[in-house]
Protein backbone atom coordinates (compact mmCIF):
# COMPACT_ATOMS: atom_id res chain seq x y z
CA MET A 1 -13.25 44.50 14.05
CA ILE A 2 -9.43 42.49 12.99
CA LYS A 3 -11.15 39.21 15.41
CA ASP A 4 -14.18 39.48 14.06
CA ASN A 5 -13.01 39.23 10.48
CA GLN A 6 -10.36 36.50 11.76
CA ARG A 7 -13.62 34.56 13.16
CA HIS A 8 -14.74 34.22 10.03
CA PHE A 9 -12.24 33.55 7.51
CA ASN A 10 -11.59 31.15 10.16
CA ARG A 11 -14.76 29.51 9.55
CA LEU A 12 -14.33 29.34 5.88
CA HIS A 13 -11.47 27.91 6.31
CA VAL A 14 -12.08 24.95 8.55
CA LEU A 15 -14.75 24.28 5.75
CA ILE A 16 -11.69 24.24 2.93
CA ASP A 17 -9.92 22.05 5.39
CA ALA A 18 -12.97 19.67 5.12
CA LEU A 19 -12.89 19.46 1.87
CA ILE A 20 -9.43 18.98 1.46
CA VAL A 21 -9.73 16.09 3.60
CA VAL A 22 -12.58 14.55 0.88
CA ALA A 23 -11.14 15.39 -1.76
CA SER A 24 -7.35 13.69 -0.56
CA TRP A 25 -9.64 10.46 0.33
CA MET A 26 -11.44 10.29 -2.41
CA LEU A 27 -7.83 10.94 -4.86
CA ALA A 28 -6.56 8.03 -3.53
CA TRP A 29 -9.12 6.00 -3.94
CA VAL A 30 -8.59 6.74 -7.34
CA ILE A 31 -4.45 6.31 -7.82
CA GLN A 32 -4.88 2.81 -6.14
CA PHE A 33 -8.30 1.06 -7.34
CA LYS A 34 -8.36 2.90 -11.09
CA ILE A 35 -5.25 4.15 -12.09
CA LEU A 36 -2.89 1.57 -10.56
CA ASP A 37 -6.54 -0.74 -10.62
CA GLU A 38 -5.85 -2.89 -7.30
CA THR A 39 -8.59 -5.53 -6.15
CA THR A 40 -9.97 -4.16 -2.97
CA GLY A 41 -12.43 -6.52 -1.09
CA LEU A 42 -14.63 -3.64 -0.11
CA THR A 43 -17.50 -1.44 -1.70
CA PHE A 44 -16.69 2.92 -2.31
CA ARG A 45 -19.16 3.13 -0.44
CA GLN A 46 -17.24 1.68 2.44
CA TYR A 47 -14.61 3.54 1.36
CA MET A 48 -16.11 6.28 1.88
CA VAL A 49 -18.30 6.25 5.06
CA VAL A 50 -14.93 6.43 6.99
CA LEU A 51 -15.47 10.41 5.76
CA VAL A 52 -17.62 10.47 8.51
CA PHE A 53 -15.77 9.55 11.53
CA LEU A 54 -11.80 11.43 9.55
CA VAL A 55 -13.12 14.80 8.68
CA PRO A 56 -13.95 15.61 13.22
CA VAL A 57 -10.47 13.67 13.50
CA TYR A 58 -8.47 15.62 11.52
CA LEU A 59 -10.70 18.92 11.95
CA THR A 60 -10.46 18.50 15.08
CA LEU A 61 -6.43 17.56 15.06
CA TYR A 62 -5.33 20.62 13.20
CA MET A 63 -7.57 23.17 15.37
CA ALA A 64 -4.85 21.62 18.26
CA PHE A 65 -2.05 22.24 16.49
CA SER A 66 -2.97 25.81 16.15
CA LEU A 67 -3.85 25.59 12.20
CA TYR A 68 -6.71 27.80 13.12
CA THR A 69 -5.47 31.40 15.16
CA THR A 70 -3.80 34.33 13.99
CA LYS A 71 -0.61 33.06 13.19
CA SER A 72 -0.12 34.34 9.41
CA VAL A 73 3.19 36.07 9.89
CA ARG A 74 4.53 32.32 10.35
CA ARG A 75 6.52 31.18 8.38
CA LYS A 76 5.47 28.86 5.61
CA GLN A 77 8.14 25.58 6.97
CA VAL A 78 6.65 25.98 10.03
CA GLU A 79 2.84 25.79 9.06
CA LEU A 80 3.35 22.75 6.66
CA GLY A 81 5.25 21.24 9.61
CA LYS A 82 2.56 21.33 11.73
CA ILE A 83 -0.02 19.45 9.05
CA ALA A 84 2.41 17.61 8.46
CA GLN A 85 2.32 16.37 12.43
CA ALA A 86 -1.74 16.82 12.97
CA ASN A 87 -1.53 14.01 9.57
CA THR A 88 1.00 11.94 10.88
CA ILE A 89 -1.40 11.54 14.59
CA GLY A 90 -4.14 11.18 12.15
CA LEU A 91 -2.90 8.11 11.27
CA LEU A 92 -1.99 7.08 14.13
CA VAL A 93 -5.38 7.67 15.32
CA PHE A 94 -6.57 5.70 12.23
CA PHE A 95 -4.57 2.65 12.59
CA ALA A 96 -5.88 2.61 16.82
CA GLY A 97 -9.23 2.53 15.47
CA MET A 98 -8.68 -0.10 12.86
CA TYR A 99 -7.14 -2.19 15.77
CA LEU A 100 -10.56 -1.85 18.42
CA MET A 101 -12.51 -3.30 15.26
CA ARG A 102 -10.59 -5.68 14.73
CA SER A 103 -13.17 -8.32 15.96
CA SER A 104 -14.85 -6.89 12.79
CA PRO A 105 -11.74 -8.89 10.08
CA GLU A 106 -14.14 -8.66 7.19
CA ILE A 107 -13.70 -5.10 7.32
CA THR A 108 -10.21 -4.01 8.52
CA ASP A 109 -8.01 -6.82 7.01
CA ASN A 110 -8.99 -5.52 3.81
CA TYR A 111 -9.06 -2.11 3.99
CA SER A 112 -5.97 -0.72 2.00
CA ARG A 113 -2.96 0.46 3.89
CA ARG A 114 -1.24 1.84 0.11
CA MET A 115 -3.98 3.85 -0.05
CA LEU A 116 -3.56 5.57 3.67
CA PHE A 117 -0.51 5.95 2.13
CA TYR A 118 -1.28 8.13 -0.74
CA PHE A 119 -4.25 9.86 1.66
CA TYR A 120 -1.36 10.87 3.35
CA VAL A 121 0.66 12.68 1.43
CA ILE A 122 -1.80 14.19 -0.40
CA ASN A 123 -3.17 15.54 2.32
CA ILE A 124 -0.29 17.16 3.30
CA ALA A 125 0.90 18.44 0.07
CA LEU A 126 -3.21 20.20 -1.18
CA GLU A 127 -3.13 21.22 2.51
CA GLY A 128 -0.08 23.24 1.79
CA LEU A 129 -0.43 23.87 -1.58
CA VAL A 130 -4.27 25.77 -1.11
CA ARG A 131 -2.58 27.42 2.35
CA ASN A 132 0.30 29.19 0.25
CA PHE A 133 -2.65 30.06 -2.38
CA ILE A 134 -5.05 31.34 0.55
CA ARG A 135 -2.06 33.67 1.43
CA LEU A 136 -0.71 34.70 -1.57
CA ALA A 137 -4.28 36.04 -3.03
CA LEU A 138 -5.47 37.78 -0.11
CA GLN A 139 -1.33 39.68 -0.85
CA ARG A 140 -2.49 40.47 -3.91
CA LEU A 141 -6.56 41.95 -3.15
CA ARG A 142 -4.47 43.57 -0.29
CA ARG A 143 -2.06 45.08 -3.06
CA LYS A 144 -4.87 45.83 -5.14
CA GLY A 145 -6.53 48.23 -2.78
CA PHE A 146 -9.52 45.23 -2.35
CA ASN A 147 -11.47 45.77 1.74
CA GLN A 148 -8.43 48.33 2.56
CA LYS A 149 -9.00 49.42 5.03
CA HIS A 150 -6.88 53.50 6.38
CA MET A 151 -6.51 53.84 9.90
CA LEU A 152 -4.89 56.38 11.68
CA LEU A 153 -3.29 56.36 15.32
CA VAL A 154 -3.61 58.88 17.95
CA GLY A 155 -0.93 58.64 20.41
CA TYR A 156 2.58 57.55 20.14
CA SER A 157 3.74 54.94 22.69
CA ARG A 158 4.96 52.04 23.12
CA ALA A 159 1.32 50.14 22.09
CA ALA A 160 1.53 52.24 19.18
CA GLU A 161 4.98 50.71 17.86
CA GLU A 162 3.68 47.12 19.52
CA TYR A 163 0.14 48.08 17.42
CA VAL A 164 2.70 49.39 14.31
CA ASP A 165 4.63 46.02 14.22
CA ARG A 166 1.46 43.56 13.88
CA MET A 167 -0.04 45.83 11.61
CA LYS A 168 2.98 45.55 9.52
CA ALA A 169 3.46 41.78 10.26
CA ASN A 170 -0.38 40.75 9.02
CA PRO A 171 -0.44 42.69 5.51
CA GLU A 172 -3.19 40.26 4.92
CA TRP A 173 -5.16 42.14 7.19
CA GLY A 174 -5.62 44.79 4.95
CA TYR A 175 -4.78 47.86 7.28
CA GLU A 176 -3.00 50.17 5.98
CA LEU A 177 -1.68 53.21 8.82
CA MET A 178 -1.93 57.13 7.68
CA GLY A 179 -0.25 58.14 10.45
CA ILE A 180 0.12 59.14 13.72
CA LEU A 181 -1.09 62.46 16.11
CA ASP A 182 1.00 63.01 18.99
CA ASP A 183 1.83 65.89 21.50
CA ASN A 184 5.52 64.79 22.08
CA VAL A 185 7.47 63.20 19.30
CA GLU A 186 8.05 66.30 16.43
CA CYS A 187 5.94 66.30 13.22
CA GLY A 188 7.59 64.09 10.31
CA MET A 189 9.16 61.58 12.89
CA ARG A 190 8.47 58.08 11.34
CA TYR A 191 7.89 53.90 12.54
CA ARG A 192 8.46 51.63 10.64
CA GLY A 193 7.44 53.78 7.86
CA VAL A 194 4.44 55.42 9.39
CA GLN A 195 4.33 59.09 9.82
CA VAL A 196 3.82 61.41 13.22
CA VAL A 197 1.36 64.08 10.57
CA GLY A 198 0.41 66.34 13.43
CA ARG A 199 -0.40 67.18 17.09
CA THR A 200 -3.34 65.37 19.00
CA GLU A 201 -5.23 68.96 19.14
CA GLU A 202 -5.66 68.94 15.31
CA ILE A 203 -8.12 65.57 15.64
CA GLU A 204 -11.02 66.95 14.73
CA GLU A 205 -9.59 68.79 11.28
CA LEU A 206 -7.75 65.88 10.30
CA LEU A 207 -10.79 63.60 10.45
CA SER A 208 -12.98 65.77 8.46
CA ARG A 209 -10.02 66.20 6.19
CA THR A 210 -8.73 63.12 5.01
CA SER A 211 -11.68 60.67 6.69
CA PRO A 212 -10.08 57.61 7.77
CA ASP A 213 -12.30 54.61 8.10
CA GLU A 214 -10.92 53.36 11.87
CA ILE A 215 -9.46 54.82 14.80
CA ALA A 216 -7.27 53.64 17.43
CA ILE A 217 -5.81 55.17 20.61
CA THR A 218 -2.47 54.75 21.37
CA LEU A 219 -1.41 56.98 24.02
CA GLY A 220 1.21 57.05 26.97
CA LEU A 221 0.08 56.42 30.13
CA SER A 222 0.80 60.26 30.88
CA GLU A 223 -1.32 61.03 28.74
CA TYR A 224 -4.85 59.34 29.71
CA SER A 225 -5.77 63.41 31.37
CA LYS A 226 -6.40 63.51 27.56
CA LEU A 227 -8.45 60.45 26.50
CA GLU A 228 -11.95 61.40 27.54
CA HIS A 229 -11.64 64.25 25.28
CA ILE A 230 -9.78 62.78 22.13
CA VAL A 231 -12.81 59.33 22.25
CA ALA A 232 -15.10 62.30 22.49
CA VAL A 233 -13.84 64.56 19.22
CA CYS A 234 -13.62 60.60 17.22
CA GLU A 235 -17.25 59.34 18.90
CA LYS A 236 -18.33 62.88 17.37
CA SER A 237 -17.39 61.98 13.74
CA GLY A 238 -18.88 58.19 14.00
CA VAL A 239 -15.28 57.29 13.25
CA HIS A 240 -15.04 53.41 13.95
CA THR A 241 -12.57 53.69 17.02
CA LYS A 242 -10.58 51.07 19.57
CA PHE A 243 -8.00 51.91 22.22
CA VAL A 244 -5.19 49.70 22.89
CA PRO A 245 -4.10 50.52 25.91
CA ASP A 246 -0.01 50.88 27.27
CA TYR A 247 0.11 48.35 29.71
CA ASN A 248 2.43 46.08 28.73
CA ASN A 249 5.33 47.86 30.38
CA ILE A 250 2.83 47.21 34.10
CA ILE A 251 1.26 44.29 33.02
CA PRO A 252 3.32 42.06 31.20
CA THR A 253 0.62 39.06 30.47
CA ARG A 254 -2.24 38.64 27.75
CA PRO A 255 -4.96 39.90 29.79
CA TYR A 256 -9.12 40.54 28.66
CA THR A 257 -11.94 42.23 30.50
CA GLU A 258 -15.27 40.68 31.91
CA ASP A 259 -18.81 42.53 32.19
CA ILE A 260 -19.64 42.91 36.27
CA ASP A 261 -23.01 44.17 36.63
CA GLY A 262 -21.78 47.09 33.39
CA LEU A 263 -18.70 48.17 34.90
CA PRO A 264 -15.32 46.90 32.76
CA VAL A 265 -12.40 44.92 34.89
CA ILE A 266 -9.32 43.73 33.43
CA ASN A 267 -8.69 40.70 34.04
CA ILE A 268 -4.87 40.11 34.91
CA ARG A 269 -4.10 36.70 33.58
CA HIS A 270 -5.79 34.29 31.41
CA VAL A 271 -6.10 31.28 33.10
CA PRO A 272 -8.83 28.61 31.21
CA LEU A 273 -8.49 26.35 34.48
CA THR A 274 -10.50 28.89 36.67
CA ASN A 275 -13.28 27.89 35.17
CA THR A 276 -14.97 25.33 36.67
CA PHE A 277 -16.45 23.26 33.51
CA ASN A 278 -12.44 23.05 31.81
CA ALA A 279 -11.39 22.13 35.45
CA VAL A 280 -13.71 19.80 35.59
CA VAL A 281 -12.59 17.91 32.03
CA LYS A 282 -9.21 18.44 32.50
CA ARG A 283 -9.32 16.39 35.87
CA ALA A 284 -11.28 13.64 33.94
CA MET A 285 -9.27 13.43 31.80
CA ASP A 286 -6.37 12.73 33.59
CA LEU A 287 -8.00 9.94 35.75
CA VAL A 288 -8.92 8.18 32.30
CA GLY A 289 -5.67 8.83 30.91
CA GLY A 290 -3.69 7.67 34.30
CA LEU A 291 -4.86 4.64 34.76
CA ALA A 292 -5.01 3.65 31.30
CA ALA A 293 -1.39 4.61 31.29
CA ILE A 294 -0.85 2.57 34.67
CA ILE A 295 -2.27 -0.54 32.52
CA LEU A 296 -0.02 0.72 29.79
CA PHE A 297 3.33 0.75 31.53
CA SER A 298 3.12 -1.70 33.92
CA PRO A 299 4.90 -4.47 32.39
CA ILE A 300 7.64 -1.47 31.95
CA MET A 301 7.41 -0.40 36.29
CA LEU A 302 7.32 -3.87 37.29
CA VAL A 303 10.58 -4.99 35.94
CA THR A 304 11.73 -1.44 36.39
CA ALA A 305 11.15 -1.99 40.09
CA ILE A 306 12.77 -5.84 39.49
CA ALA A 307 16.12 -3.94 38.55
CA ILE A 308 15.81 -1.56 41.33
CA LYS A 309 15.83 -4.04 43.94
CA ALA A 310 18.21 -6.09 42.50
CA THR A 311 21.09 -3.88 41.83
CA SER A 312 21.34 -1.63 45.48
CA PRO A 313 19.56 -1.31 48.53
CA GLY A 314 17.37 0.30 49.75
CA PRO A 315 13.93 1.61 49.22
CA LEU A 316 11.81 1.17 45.32
CA ILE A 317 10.27 4.42 45.43
CA TYR A 318 12.09 8.23 46.19
CA THR A 319 9.56 10.38 47.59
CA GLN A 320 10.57 14.25 47.07
CA GLU A 321 9.04 16.92 48.47
CA ARG A 322 7.12 19.86 45.48
CA VAL A 323 4.95 22.46 45.71
CA GLY A 324 1.91 22.28 43.53
CA LEU A 325 -1.58 24.06 42.94
CA HIS A 326 -1.68 27.14 45.23
CA ASN A 327 1.47 26.09 46.49
CA LYS A 328 0.24 23.99 48.21
CA ASN A 329 3.90 21.02 48.98
CA PHE A 330 2.85 17.61 48.69
CA ARG A 331 5.39 14.47 48.22
CA MET A 332 5.79 12.95 44.38
CA TYR A 333 6.09 10.10 43.63
CA LYS A 334 9.68 8.82 41.12
CA PHE A 335 11.42 5.14 41.35
CA ARG A 336 14.43 5.35 42.80
CA SER A 337 18.02 5.94 40.59
CA MET A 338 20.05 7.30 42.88
CA ASP A 339 22.18 5.47 46.27
CA VAL A 340 20.36 6.49 49.53
CA GLN A 341 21.88 9.40 51.39
CA SER A 342 20.56 11.68 54.04
CA PRO A 343 18.14 14.36 52.94
CA LYS A 344 20.32 16.85 54.76
CA LYS A 345 23.27 16.41 51.54
CA GLU A 346 20.26 15.81 48.84
CA ARG A 347 18.95 19.13 49.51
CA GLY A 348 19.54 22.11 47.08
CA ALA A 349 21.75 19.73 44.65
CA TRP A 350 21.62 18.37 41.10
CA THR A 351 23.02 16.41 39.88
CA VAL A 352 25.94 16.99 37.13
CA PRO A 353 26.66 14.53 34.46
CA ASP A 354 28.60 11.66 35.16
CA ASP A 355 26.87 12.30 39.29
CA PRO A 356 28.88 9.20 41.24
CA ARG A 357 25.02 9.10 43.73
CA VAL A 358 22.96 7.75 39.80
CA THR A 359 22.85 3.94 40.30
CA SER A 360 23.61 1.90 37.20
CA VAL A 361 20.35 1.11 37.09
CA GLY A 362 19.24 4.95 37.46
CA LYS A 363 20.77 5.74 34.25
CA VAL A 364 18.85 4.55 32.47
CA ILE A 365 15.73 5.33 33.30
CA ARG A 366 16.59 9.03 33.85
CA LYS A 367 17.20 9.17 30.49
CA THR A 368 14.32 7.24 29.25
CA SER A 369 11.99 9.27 32.06
CA ILE A 370 10.71 5.69 33.31
CA ASP A 371 11.70 6.92 36.97
CA GLU A 372 8.89 9.68 36.54
CA LEU A 373 5.70 6.88 35.47
CA PRO A 374 5.55 6.58 39.42
CA GLN A 375 3.98 10.50 39.57
CA LEU A 376 1.03 8.29 38.11
CA PHE A 377 -1.23 7.81 40.94
CA ASN A 378 0.09 11.42 42.08
CA ILE A 379 -2.47 12.13 38.97
CA LEU A 380 -5.07 9.55 40.19
CA LYS A 381 -4.59 11.11 43.66
CA GLY A 382 -5.35 14.90 42.19
CA ASP A 383 -1.12 15.94 43.68
CA MET A 384 -0.55 16.57 39.83
CA SER A 385 -1.49 16.46 36.01
CA LEU A 386 -0.91 14.96 33.17
CA VAL A 387 -0.13 17.76 31.19
CA GLY A 388 1.33 21.24 33.34
CA PRO A 389 4.63 23.02 34.43
CA ARG A 390 6.91 20.54 36.60
CA PRO A 391 6.83 21.10 40.02
CA GLU A 392 10.17 22.26 41.25
CA ARG A 393 11.30 21.46 45.26
CA PRO A 394 10.11 24.74 48.00
CA PHE A 395 14.22 25.27 48.27
CA PHE A 396 14.17 25.99 44.42
CA VAL A 397 10.58 27.72 44.06
CA GLU A 398 12.21 30.49 47.06
CA LYS A 399 14.91 31.44 44.70
CA PHE A 400 13.64 31.37 42.18
CA ARG A 401 10.73 33.05 42.47
CA GLU A 402 13.47 36.03 43.60
CA GLU A 403 15.44 36.14 40.34
CA ILE A 404 12.24 35.39 37.76
CA PRO A 405 9.16 37.96 37.65
CA ARG A 406 6.11 35.83 37.10
CA TYR A 407 7.89 32.55 38.29
CA MET A 408 4.70 31.98 41.49
CA ILE A 409 2.34 31.78 38.31
CA LYS A 410 3.18 28.09 37.38
CA HIS A 411 1.09 27.41 40.80
CA GLN A 412 -2.05 28.52 39.04
CA VAL A 413 -2.37 24.84 38.00
CA ARG A 414 -1.67 21.51 38.68
CA PRO A 415 2.01 20.38 37.70
CA GLY A 416 2.29 18.22 35.37
CA LEU A 417 3.84 14.92 34.10
CA THR A 418 4.60 16.63 31.36
CA GLY A 419 4.80 19.55 30.01
CA TRP A 420 4.58 22.50 26.98
CA ALA A 421 8.12 23.26 28.16
CA GLN A 422 9.24 19.70 28.25
CA VAL A 423 8.35 18.89 25.00
CA ASN A 424 10.09 21.87 23.19
CA GLY A 425 13.52 21.22 24.85
CA TYR A 426 13.57 22.52 28.38
CA ARG A 427 13.99 19.74 30.71
CA GLY A 428 16.67 18.85 33.49
CA ASN A 429 19.73 21.77 33.79
CA THR A 430 18.49 24.39 30.73
CA SER A 431 17.14 27.48 30.80
CA ILE A 432 14.70 28.26 34.07
CA ARG A 433 13.84 31.96 32.61
CA LYS A 434 12.70 30.00 29.03
CA ARG A 435 11.08 27.18 30.55
CA ILE A 436 8.77 29.22 32.82
CA GLU A 437 7.72 31.36 29.46
CA TYR A 438 6.83 28.14 27.99
CA ASP A 439 4.89 27.32 30.97
CA LEU A 440 3.15 30.70 30.89
CA TYR A 441 2.25 30.50 27.33
CA TYR A 442 1.11 26.99 28.16
CA ILE A 443 -1.16 28.34 31.48
CA GLU A 444 -2.89 31.15 29.21
CA ASN A 445 -3.75 28.62 26.07
CA TRP A 446 -5.01 25.91 27.75
CA THR A 447 -7.40 23.77 25.85
CA PRO A 448 -7.91 20.37 26.39
CA GLY A 449 -6.78 19.97 22.46
CA PHE A 450 -3.53 21.41 23.23
CA ASP A 451 -2.87 18.66 25.73
CA ILE A 452 -3.45 15.54 24.08
CA LYS A 453 -0.86 17.81 21.21
CA ILE A 454 1.17 17.52 23.77
CA LEU A 455 0.56 14.04 25.08
CA PHE A 456 1.07 13.13 21.52
CA LEU A 457 4.55 14.81 21.00
CA THR A 458 5.95 13.20 24.75
CA ILE A 459 5.16 10.38 22.67
CA PHE A 460 7.69 11.40 20.09
CA LYS A 461 10.49 13.79 21.95
CA GLY A 462 9.27 14.25 25.23
CA PHE A 463 10.88 10.45 26.47
CA ILE A 464 14.34 10.46 25.97
CA ASN A 465 15.93 12.91 28.16
CA LYS A 466 19.72 14.36 26.94
CA ASN A 467 19.59 16.88 30.03
CA ALA A 468 19.08 14.31 33.03
CA TYR A 469 22.45 12.10 34.36
């Protein structure tokens, strides 16, 4: 029910955002050409027809930046930052579109750049104001009791605590927790203000006396023998009932349920890229993006190749064995940034600050990530993807798989040239555990829009690696 309510609210929010984009664009036009009385070579209609393309682009960017997910607990400053990032990318997309339309200079040359700046500022401000207004309005309505749902929890467990945490963090969902029934905790005990009000055997009497709107069964694993009876009582009462399984300490991930001819099956991990259609879409993006990047960066790669050959003896391209999709090894390409050394000496050794093995050119191309550009050919071969968890050497994979839980899950997708962990600062000599957390989040939440977001963030802050030596 929470998901259904959120889905309907998100649809309404998309419509509101579309109206905000239209209003911001029109207001920017009014400021530029009516209030400031600037002249223009284009008509009002020619400016407004742009909205046919502008609105879908901005809504897609808002989705890519997770502005329509259940993130109500997110701080206002974080949400405003995401709005600003999405609008910045939207503006860059607009300029890119104008560049592609340079064959029609009578249109592109007459578009007011100042108006675009007004639109950028107004749209960010209106988005922030409207979202804050909606947040405050929902909170006020809930406090007055409108659409408030009263819920009873059956079973005190880790699942119950996590459920209470989420309800308390998101009051705009409109759930009032009446209490908890449990056989192992003393009556009167409270968790975050929610009191244990009785035993599970009292559920039938309590339902008839209090008439809750919903029931959440949050039994601990050791009490699942009571589940059949409690479900029967809840169904008999006619109250909407949901089951919150207590398996987070066993399955530390985001599972999903599928129906196999009437048999519910819980998949331990949701990996969107196991879907054939999603895999085809991502591969197409890799091929198109990889070819475009090779063309775009070919002058840089040519200059780098000349510099490496002119300053140090040895091969131009350095290949290293890495572990990729389905734990299969492949040869990853890099521009050589070190003096040539024996495989035995190189194996298992990370670079350190002022490493004497790194050449003068190597220091520059490692800091700027230029040494990674040959991996674009790994992408065309199918060994890698534009976006994904960074691949590691077999020696370290064997080490980390024993030390870090769920480390090997990263090999369920192709490794990437860049990734969610990297754009969040986890590159080089940083925490492997935190890197895996970000990698797993990417694997479980992949969408084409998420890939585009990571690629844009890589452009803004992912090339310079302060942890590269």
